[in-house]
Amino acid sequence: MKCERLLFCYQMTFSHCDSRAQ
């Protein structure tokens, strides 16, 4: 899954996105 929206990621998977958000 890709993280396009920071807000969406933070609410859904903050840690999962934080790792591939950068």
PDB file of N, CA and C in Angstrom:
ATOM      1  N   MET A   1       0.845  -1.227   0.000  1.00  0.00           N
ATOM      2  CA  MET A   1       0.000   0.000   0.000  1.00  0.00           C
ATOM      3  C   MET A   1       0.868   1.261   0.000  1.00  0.00           C
ATOM      4  N   LYS A   2       0.451   2.229  -0.727  1.00  0.00           N
ATOM      5  CA  LYS A   2       1.255   3.474  -0.786  1.00  0.00           C
ATOM      6  C   LYS A   2       0.632   4.551   0.094  1.00  0.00           C
ATOM      7  N   CYS A   3       1.474   5.385   0.631  1.00  0.00           N
ATOM      8  CA  CYS A   3       0.946   6.473   1.500  1.00  0.00           C
ATOM      9  C   CYS A   3       0.984   7.809   0.760  1.00  0.00           C
ATOM     10  N   GLU A   4      -0.146   8.232   0.260  1.00  0.00           N
ATOM     11  CA  GLU A   4      -0.175   9.519  -0.461  1.00  0.00           C
ATOM     12  C   GLU A   4      -0.597  10.638   0.469  1.00  0.00           C
ATOM     13  N   ARG A   5      -1.508  10.337   1.375  1.00  0.00           N
ATOM     14  CA  ARG A   5      -1.993  11.387   2.301  1.00  0.00           C
ATOM     15  C   ARG A   5      -1.433  11.164   3.693  1.00  0.00           C
ATOM     16  N   LEU A   6      -0.743  12.130   4.201  1.00  0.00           N
ATOM     17  CA  LEU A   6      -0.162  11.987   5.557  1.00  0.00           C
ATOM     18  C   LEU A   6      -1.263  11.812   6.590  1.00  0.00           C
ATOM     19  N   LEU A   7      -2.325  12.557   6.441  1.00  0.00           N
ATOM     20  CA  LEU A   7      -3.440  12.475   7.396  1.00  0.00           C
ATOM     21  C   LEU A   7      -4.039  11.079   7.384  1.00  0.00           C
ATOM     22  N   PHE A   8      -4.258  10.576   6.200  1.00  0.00           N
ATOM     23  CA  PHE A   8      -4.848   9.233   6.068  1.00  0.00           C
ATOM     24  C   PHE A   8      -3.944   8.186   6.703  1.00  0.00           C
ATOM     25  N   CYS A   9      -2.663   8.324   6.465  1.00  0.00           N
ATOM     26  CA  CYS A   9      -1.691   7.371   7.022  1.00  0.00           C
ATOM     27  C   CYS A   9      -1.627   7.489   8.540  1.00  0.00           C
ATOM     28  N   TYR A  10      -1.564   8.696   9.000  1.00  0.00           N
ATOM     29  CA  TYR A  10      -1.460   8.905  10.452  1.00  0.00           C
ATOM     30  C   TYR A  10      -2.644   8.273  11.176  1.00  0.00           C
ATOM     31  N   GLN A  11      -3.808   8.382  10.569  1.00  0.00           N
ATOM     32  CA  GLN A  11      -5.017   7.837  11.215  1.00  0.00           C
ATOM     33  C   GLN A  11      -5.100   6.322  11.026  1.00  0.00           C
ATOM     34  N   MET A  12      -4.653   5.858   9.872  1.00  0.00           N
ATOM     35  CA  MET A  12      -4.735   4.400   9.587  1.00  0.00           C
ATOM     36  C   MET A  12      -3.506   3.667  10.146  1.00  0.00           C
ATOM     37  N   THR A  13      -2.343   4.015   9.604  1.00  0.00           N
ATOM     38  CA  THR A  13      -1.114   3.346  10.085  1.00  0.00           C
ATOM     39  C   THR A  13       0.007   4.353  10.223  1.00  0.00           C
ATOM     40  N   PHE A  14       0.051   4.989  11.325  1.00  0.00           N
ATOM     41  CA  PHE A  14       1.065   6.035  11.564  1.00  0.00           C
ATOM     42  C   PHE A  14       2.485   5.464  11.475  1.00  0.00           C
ATOM     43  N   SER A  15       2.695   4.360  12.114  1.00  0.00           N
ATOM     44  CA  SER A  15       4.043   3.753  12.121  1.00  0.00           C
ATOM     45  C   SER A  15       4.354   3.150  10.745  1.00  0.00           C
ATOM     46  N   HIS A  16       3.398   2.486  10.161  1.00  0.00           N
ATOM     47  CA  HIS A  16       3.630   1.847   8.858  1.00  0.00           C
ATOM     48  C   HIS A  16       3.974   2.898   7.796  1.00  0.00           C
ATOM     49  N   CYS A  17       3.269   4.001   7.820  1.00  0.00           N
ATOM     50  CA  CYS A  17       3.508   5.071   6.835  1.00  0.00           C
ATOM     51  C   CYS A  17       4.785   5.829   7.186  1.00  0.00           C
ATOM     52  N   ASP A  18       4.961   6.119   8.413  1.00  0.00           N
ATOM     53  CA  ASP A  18       6.154   6.863   8.854  1.00  0.00           C
ATOM     54  C   ASP A  18       7.416   6.204   8.299  1.00  0.00           C
ATOM     55  N   SER A  19       7.362   4.911   8.148  1.00  0.00           N
ATOM     56  CA  SER A  19       8.546   4.175   7.667  1.00  0.00           C
ATOM     57  C   SER A  19       8.728   4.369   6.147  1.00  0.00           C
ATOM     58  N   ARG A  20       7.650   4.476   5.435  1.00  0.00           N
ATOM     59  CA  ARG A  20       7.762   4.635   3.961  1.00  0.00           C
ATOM     60  C   ARG A  20       7.134   5.959   3.543  1.00  0.00           C
ATOM     61  N   ALA A  21       6.908   6.827   4.444  1.00  0.00           N
ATOM     62  CA  ALA A  21       6.303   8.126   4.072  1.00  0.00           C
ATOM     63  C   ALA A  21       7.406   9.069   3.598  1.00  0.00           C
ATOM     64  N   GLN A  22       8.605   8.864   4.132  1.00  0.00           N
ATOM     65  CA  GLN A  22       9.710   9.762   3.748  1.00  0.00           C
ATOM     66  C   GLN A  22      10.260   9.271   2.416  1.00  0.00           C
TER      67      GLN A  22
END
